[in-house]
Amino acid sequence: MKPFIEASSESFRERPVMDVAFRQRPGRDSEAAHLPATAGHANTVIGAAARTAADWLAPQPLITLVLPFYNEAGYIERTLESLAHQKDRRFSLVLVDNASTDDSQARAAIVCAALSDIAIRFLYESKLGKIHALATGLARIETPYLATLDADTWYPPDYVGNCIRLFRENPDATAVMAIGLSCSLGSGARRRVLRTTKLRSRLLPAKCHSGAYAQSFRTRAFRAAGGYDAAIWNFVLEDHEIVHRVARFGRLVYDTGHFCVTSDRREDRAGVSWSLSERLLYAAMPAAMLNWYFHSFLLSRFARRKLFNLNLRTFARRPGAPV
């Protein structure tokens, strides 16, 4: 059995781990309230007492889902429940606690407590900033594909299956991008977003039209591009910048049947995003000039406005927080 690796910016320690599986359990919130508090490192290892014969027959994962989180109690449970209901079980799951101060990790452990067919790892990253948590979670991916998720997003039951299928149907693709749908949209508006995003992806095939909550990559291309690295890019819009680097190695694929649903916290992103003029310039910029656009033009403007990646950890409203 492979060791569980708990990662932080300070050290790496190995612990034995047991794979876990999922079933819905009633009274999740009341159970979480009685769990012992986890101070400092998220060092609780969850798992079954022993692997059954069925565990050994579980399919080998083809894609690793990486889920960073920071104070996501009230959101992360629903996200994990959506992953637990995936029809295609050929995935592993890595959760990275980015120094949460609430009981997100304990709640996540409860939801994951019965997953016997899915390999799950809980990691810890003490350096605040989503990009650091992503880098920690993606450091030792062994599957041919990887996906980055957000802890406040719902993934339909065919999400994993669509990722794998679209990569296999498009051998020249380096990224498969789901289309993000806001939870506030009605069915008609969602259909329009799906059609519009697909059209935009055809008109602007080298551009990013979704966020890190909906992106999957060929692991080989992701590594060749340098992956998430604060030394390369330490500002907001890290999801668009990484897509620019990965796109140099192959196509970006969008499909109207491949989507996910984001929370209402994404309605106002003005404090952690680009301006309208910067968006329009991005759309008009030739692919050959995108490196200049990000690493000269946009970098200097973001640095002047102090739009660092850490802002993503302090901007989003949390459950129960005042509006």
Protein backbone atom coordinates (compact mmCIF):
# COMPACT_ATOMS: atom_id res chain seq x y z
CA MET A 1 0.00 0.00 0.00
CA LYS A 2 1.36 3.41 -0.94
CA PRO A 3 2.09 5.81 1.91
CA PHE A 4 -0.07 8.78 2.64
CA ILE A 5 2.03 11.92 2.20
CA GLU A 6 1.07 14.94 4.22
CA ALA A 7 2.60 18.01 2.66
CA SER A 8 3.28 21.48 3.96
CA SER A 9 5.58 24.30 3.00
CA GLU A 10 7.74 23.39 5.99
CA SER A 11 8.24 19.63 5.72
CA PHE A 12 7.08 16.34 4.26
CA ARG A 13 6.06 13.47 6.47
CA GLU A 14 4.87 10.01 5.49
CA ARG A 15 1.98 8.27 7.19
CA PRO A 16 0.20 5.01 6.43
CA VAL A 17 -3.15 5.54 4.72
CA MET A 18 -6.17 3.47 3.87
CA ASP A 19 -8.36 4.19 0.87
CA VAL A 20 -11.89 5.28 1.69
CA ALA A 21 -15.30 5.30 -0.02
CA PHE A 22 -18.52 7.31 0.18
CA ARG A 23 -22.14 6.99 1.10
CA GLN A 24 -24.45 9.75 2.28
CA ARG A 25 -24.77 9.91 6.04
CA PRO A 26 -27.53 11.76 7.91
CA GLY A 27 -26.77 14.25 10.62
CA ARG A 28 -23.49 15.38 9.12
CA ASP A 29 -23.47 18.77 10.84
CA SER A 30 -24.25 17.33 14.26
CA GLU A 31 -21.49 14.75 13.88
CA ALA A 32 -18.97 17.39 12.85
CA ALA A 33 -19.73 19.37 15.98
CA HIS A 34 -18.58 16.43 18.11
CA LEU A 35 -15.31 15.79 16.30
CA PRO A 36 -12.14 16.81 18.14
CA ALA A 37 -10.69 20.06 16.89
CA THR A 38 -7.69 19.76 14.57
CA ALA A 39 -5.09 22.35 15.50
CA GLY A 40 -2.17 23.15 13.26
CA HIS A 41 -1.68 20.43 10.67
CA ALA A 42 -4.67 18.56 9.28
CA ASN A 43 -3.17 15.32 10.52
CA THR A 44 -6.31 13.21 10.82
CA VAL A 45 -6.13 10.12 8.60
CA ILE A 46 -9.48 8.58 7.73
CA GLY A 47 -10.10 5.11 6.34
CA ALA A 48 -11.56 1.69 6.73
CA ALA A 49 -10.09 -0.90 9.08
CA ALA A 50 -9.08 -3.17 6.21
CA ARG A 51 -9.39 -3.41 2.45
CA THR A 52 -11.99 -5.83 1.17
CA ALA A 53 -11.75 -7.98 -1.93
CA ALA A 54 -13.94 -5.43 -3.74
CA ASP A 55 -11.39 -2.72 -2.99
CA TRP A 56 -8.67 -4.63 -4.80
CA LEU A 57 -10.95 -5.00 -7.84
CA ALA A 58 -11.64 -1.25 -8.05
CA PRO A 59 -10.53 0.28 -11.37
CA GLN A 60 -7.19 2.04 -11.47
CA PRO A 61 -7.63 5.83 -11.44
CA LEU A 62 -7.02 7.69 -14.69
CA ILE A 63 -7.51 11.20 -13.32
CA THR A 64 -6.63 12.87 -10.01
CA LEU A 65 -9.00 15.52 -8.70
CA VAL A 66 -7.25 18.19 -6.61
CA LEU A 67 -9.48 20.18 -4.25
CA PRO A 68 -7.82 23.02 -2.27
CA PHE A 69 -9.92 24.58 0.46
CA TYR A 70 -9.81 27.38 3.02
CA ASN A 71 -12.67 27.83 5.53
CA GLU A 72 -15.24 26.12 3.30
CA ALA A 73 -17.55 24.68 6.00
CA GLY A 74 -21.05 24.80 4.59
CA TYR A 75 -19.84 24.45 0.99
CA ILE A 76 -17.30 21.64 0.87
CA GLU A 77 -19.80 19.00 1.99
CA ARG A 78 -22.02 19.45 -1.08
CA THR A 79 -19.02 19.50 -3.39
CA LEU A 80 -17.73 16.21 -1.99
CA GLU A 81 -21.19 14.66 -2.17
CA SER A 82 -21.30 15.50 -5.88
CA LEU A 83 -17.92 13.81 -6.37
CA ALA A 84 -19.12 10.76 -4.44
CA HIS A 85 -21.93 10.29 -6.97
CA GLN A 86 -19.67 10.21 -10.02
CA LYS A 87 -20.66 7.41 -12.40
CA ASP A 88 -17.09 6.88 -13.60
CA ARG A 89 -15.07 5.78 -10.56
CA ARG A 90 -11.65 5.91 -12.21
CA PHE A 91 -10.43 8.86 -10.18
CA SER A 92 -8.48 9.61 -7.02
CA LEU A 93 -9.03 12.63 -4.80
CA VAL A 94 -6.52 14.95 -3.12
CA LEU A 95 -7.82 17.54 -0.65
CA VAL A 96 -5.48 20.34 0.42
CA ASP A 97 -6.30 22.29 3.58
CA ASN A 98 -4.80 25.76 3.12
CA ALA A 99 -4.56 26.54 6.85
CA SER A 100 -8.30 26.69 7.50
CA THR A 101 -9.43 28.08 10.85
CA ASP A 102 -12.91 26.51 10.77
CA ASP A 103 -13.94 22.83 10.78
CA SER A 104 -13.82 22.36 6.99
CA GLN A 105 -11.33 19.52 7.28
CA ALA A 106 -13.41 17.68 9.88
CA ARG A 107 -16.57 18.03 7.82
CA ALA A 108 -14.77 16.82 4.71
CA ALA A 109 -13.45 13.81 6.61
CA ILE A 110 -16.97 12.85 7.65
CA VAL A 111 -18.30 12.98 4.10
CA CYS A 112 -15.35 10.93 2.83
CA ALA A 113 -15.47 8.41 5.65
CA ALA A 114 -16.94 5.50 3.69
CA LEU A 115 -15.36 5.71 0.20
CA SER A 116 -13.81 2.27 -0.26
CA ASP A 117 -13.38 2.46 -4.04
CA ILE A 118 -11.69 5.88 -4.19
CA ALA A 119 -8.15 6.69 -3.04
CA ILE A 120 -8.25 9.89 -0.96
CA ARG A 121 -5.42 11.94 0.49
CA PHE A 122 -5.69 14.88 2.88
CA LEU A 123 -2.74 17.28 2.58
CA TYR A 124 -1.93 20.49 4.40
CA GLU A 125 -0.35 23.68 3.06
CA SER A 126 0.51 26.28 5.69
CA LYS A 127 1.45 29.04 3.25
CA LEU A 128 -1.74 30.98 2.54
CA GLY A 129 -2.68 31.44 -1.09
CA LYS A 130 -4.63 29.24 -3.46
CA ILE A 131 -1.67 28.87 -5.79
CA HIS A 132 0.42 27.36 -2.98
CA ALA A 133 -2.34 24.89 -2.11
CA LEU A 134 -2.68 23.91 -5.77
CA ALA A 135 1.07 23.42 -6.12
CA THR A 136 1.09 21.16 -3.05
CA GLY A 137 -1.81 19.06 -4.27
CA LEU A 138 -0.40 18.67 -7.77
CA ALA A 139 3.17 17.88 -6.73
CA ARG A 140 2.95 14.09 -7.01
CA ILE A 141 0.25 13.25 -9.53
CA GLU A 142 0.65 9.74 -10.97
CA THR A 143 -2.43 9.58 -13.23
CA PRO A 144 -2.34 10.56 -16.93
CA TYR A 145 -4.91 13.31 -16.31
CA LEU A 146 -5.52 15.79 -13.50
CA ALA A 147 -8.30 18.21 -12.65
CA THR A 148 -8.51 21.21 -10.33
CA LEU A 149 -11.75 21.79 -8.43
CA ASP A 150 -13.20 24.41 -6.11
CA ALA A 151 -14.84 23.59 -2.78
CA ASP A 152 -17.97 25.63 -3.54
CA THR A 153 -18.85 24.01 -6.88
CA TRP A 154 -21.27 21.19 -7.76
CA TYR A 155 -20.08 18.59 -10.28
CA PRO A 156 -22.71 16.54 -12.17
CA PRO A 157 -22.49 12.72 -12.01
CA ASP A 158 -20.89 12.44 -15.47
CA TYR A 159 -18.18 15.07 -14.81
CA VAL A 160 -15.28 12.63 -14.36
CA GLY A 161 -16.50 10.45 -17.22
CA ASN A 162 -16.65 13.46 -19.53
CA CYS A 163 -13.10 14.51 -18.65
CA ILE A 164 -11.73 11.08 -19.51
CA ARG A 165 -13.89 10.67 -22.62
CA LEU A 166 -12.99 14.07 -24.08
CA PHE A 167 -9.27 13.49 -23.58
CA ARG A 168 -9.50 10.10 -25.28
CA GLU A 169 -11.59 11.46 -28.16
CA ASN A 170 -9.11 14.34 -28.64
CA PRO A 171 -5.58 12.90 -28.42
CA ASP A 172 -4.08 16.29 -29.35
CA ALA A 173 -5.83 18.06 -26.46
CA THR A 174 -3.77 19.21 -23.51
CA ALA A 175 -6.74 20.62 -21.56
CA VAL A 176 -10.43 19.78 -21.27
CA MET A 177 -12.43 22.71 -19.95
CA ALA A 178 -15.87 22.42 -18.39
CA ILE A 179 -18.30 25.31 -18.77
CA GLY A 180 -19.18 27.07 -15.51
CA LEU A 181 -22.85 27.77 -14.84
CA SER A 182 -23.91 30.06 -12.00
CA CYS A 183 -26.37 28.54 -9.53
CA SER A 184 -28.53 31.67 -9.92
CA LEU A 185 -29.28 31.00 -13.60
CA GLY A 186 -32.51 29.45 -14.81
CA SER A 187 -32.56 26.58 -17.30
CA GLY A 188 -32.96 28.87 -20.33
CA ALA A 189 -30.07 31.09 -19.26
CA ARG A 190 -27.88 28.04 -18.64
CA ARG A 191 -28.50 26.76 -22.16
CA ARG A 192 -27.51 30.17 -23.54
CA VAL A 193 -24.28 30.18 -21.50
CA LEU A 194 -23.39 26.70 -22.80
CA ARG A 195 -23.96 27.72 -26.41
CA THR A 196 -22.21 31.08 -26.04
CA THR A 197 -19.14 29.60 -24.36
CA LYS A 198 -18.82 26.91 -27.01
CA LEU A 199 -19.05 29.58 -29.71
CA ARG A 200 -16.41 31.72 -27.98
CA SER A 201 -14.10 28.70 -27.75
CA ARG A 202 -14.41 28.21 -31.52
CA LEU A 203 -13.78 31.88 -32.30
CA LEU A 204 -10.93 32.17 -29.74
CA PRO A 205 -9.52 28.61 -29.52
CA ALA A 206 -6.29 29.55 -27.72
CA LYS A 207 -8.04 31.48 -24.92
CA CYS A 208 -9.35 30.37 -21.53
CA HIS A 209 -13.14 30.47 -21.13
CA SER A 210 -13.50 28.85 -17.68
CA GLY A 211 -11.84 28.91 -14.27
CA ALA A 212 -9.75 26.57 -12.12
CA TYR A 213 -12.97 25.08 -10.74
CA ALA A 214 -13.56 23.50 -14.18
CA GLN A 215 -10.17 22.70 -15.68
CA SER A 216 -8.48 19.38 -16.40
CA PHE A 217 -5.11 18.76 -18.02
CA ARG A 218 -2.92 16.02 -19.42
CA THR A 219 -0.42 15.59 -16.64
CA ARG A 220 2.51 15.44 -19.06
CA ALA A 221 1.61 18.77 -20.68
CA PHE A 222 0.84 20.40 -17.33
CA ARG A 223 4.30 19.51 -16.04
CA ALA A 224 6.00 20.54 -19.28
CA ALA A 225 4.35 23.96 -18.92
CA GLY A 226 5.76 24.37 -15.39
CA GLY A 227 2.52 23.81 -13.47
CA TYR A 228 1.28 26.16 -10.78
CA ASP A 229 4.27 28.02 -9.40
CA ALA A 230 4.21 31.31 -7.48
CA ALA A 231 7.65 32.09 -8.90
CA ILE A 232 6.09 32.11 -12.38
CA TRP A 233 2.78 33.79 -11.52
CA ASN A 234 1.68 34.96 -8.07
CA PHE A 235 -1.40 37.01 -8.96
CA VAL A 236 -5.12 36.45 -9.47
CA LEU A 237 -6.18 35.01 -12.81
CA GLU A 238 -3.82 32.09 -12.22
CA ASP A 239 -6.28 29.81 -14.01
CA HIS A 240 -6.04 31.82 -17.26
CA GLU A 241 -2.26 32.13 -17.04
CA ILE A 242 -1.73 28.38 -16.62
CA VAL A 243 -4.01 27.68 -19.59
CA HIS A 244 -1.88 30.03 -21.71
CA ARG A 245 1.23 28.00 -20.87
CA VAL A 246 -0.43 24.60 -21.32
CA ALA A 247 -2.01 25.64 -24.64
CA ARG A 248 1.45 25.87 -26.19
CA PHE A 249 1.54 22.05 -26.16
CA GLY A 250 -1.86 21.27 -27.68
CA ARG A 251 -5.54 22.10 -28.10
CA LEU A 252 -8.08 23.30 -25.54
CA VAL A 253 -11.37 21.37 -25.70
CA TYR A 254 -14.83 22.62 -24.67
CA ASP A 255 -18.08 20.69 -24.90
CA THR A 256 -21.63 21.84 -24.15
CA GLY A 257 -22.30 18.57 -22.32
CA HIS A 258 -19.40 19.15 -19.93
CA PHE A 259 -20.27 21.68 -17.22
CA CYS A 260 -20.36 22.37 -13.49
CA VAL A 261 -22.40 24.72 -11.27
CA THR A 262 -20.72 27.45 -9.22
CA SER A 263 -21.93 29.00 -5.98
CA ASP A 264 -23.40 32.49 -5.50
CA ARG A 265 -20.07 33.73 -4.13
CA ARG A 266 -18.91 34.25 -7.73
CA GLU A 267 -21.46 36.95 -8.50
CA ASP A 268 -19.05 39.81 -7.70
CA ARG A 269 -15.38 39.26 -8.55
CA ALA A 270 -14.34 42.88 -9.04
CA GLY A 271 -11.89 42.79 -6.13
CA VAL A 272 -9.95 39.80 -7.47
CA SER A 273 -10.21 40.10 -11.22
CA TRP A 274 -9.23 42.06 -14.29
CA SER A 275 -10.82 45.17 -15.76
CA LEU A 276 -13.10 45.28 -18.79
CA SER A 277 -10.35 46.82 -20.93
CA GLU A 278 -7.94 44.05 -19.88
CA ARG A 279 -10.54 41.41 -20.79
CA LEU A 280 -11.13 42.94 -24.22
CA LEU A 281 -7.41 43.14 -24.91
CA TYR A 282 -7.04 39.48 -23.91
CA ALA A 283 -9.76 38.50 -26.40
CA ALA A 284 -8.11 40.51 -29.18
CA MET A 285 -4.54 39.45 -28.42
CA PRO A 286 -2.96 37.04 -30.95
CA ALA A 287 -1.87 33.75 -29.39
CA ALA A 288 1.76 34.53 -30.22
CA MET A 289 1.62 37.63 -27.99
CA LEU A 290 -0.05 36.08 -24.95
CA ASN A 291 3.23 35.59 -23.12
CA TRP A 292 3.88 39.34 -23.36
CA TYR A 293 0.28 40.01 -22.35
CA PHE A 294 0.52 38.02 -19.11
CA HIS A 295 4.15 38.37 -18.07
CA SER A 296 4.76 41.98 -19.03
CA PHE A 297 1.54 43.92 -19.56
CA LEU A 298 -0.80 42.24 -17.07
CA LEU A 299 1.87 41.46 -14.48
CA SER A 300 2.87 45.09 -14.11
CA ARG A 301 -0.75 46.24 -13.88
CA PHE A 302 -1.70 43.58 -11.32
CA ALA A 303 1.39 44.34 -9.23
CA ARG A 304 0.48 48.03 -9.20
CA ARG A 305 -3.08 47.20 -8.05
CA LYS A 306 -1.78 44.57 -5.60
CA LEU A 307 -3.96 41.84 -7.12
CA PHE A 308 -1.95 39.02 -5.58
CA ASN A 309 -3.16 35.43 -5.51
CA LEU A 310 -3.59 35.65 -1.74
CA ASN A 311 -6.56 37.98 -2.35
CA LEU A 312 -8.59 34.94 -3.38
CA ARG A 313 -8.37 33.65 0.18
CA THR A 314 -9.60 36.84 1.81
CA PHE A 315 -12.19 38.15 -0.66
CA ALA A 316 -14.86 35.43 -0.86
CA ARG A 317 -17.75 35.68 1.58
CA ARG A 318 -18.03 32.61 3.84
CA PRO A 319 -21.22 30.96 5.12
CA GLY A 320 -22.70 33.01 7.95
CA ALA A 321 -20.45 35.99 7.29
CA PRO A 322 -22.06 39.45 7.14
CA VAL A 323 -22.89 40.68 3.64
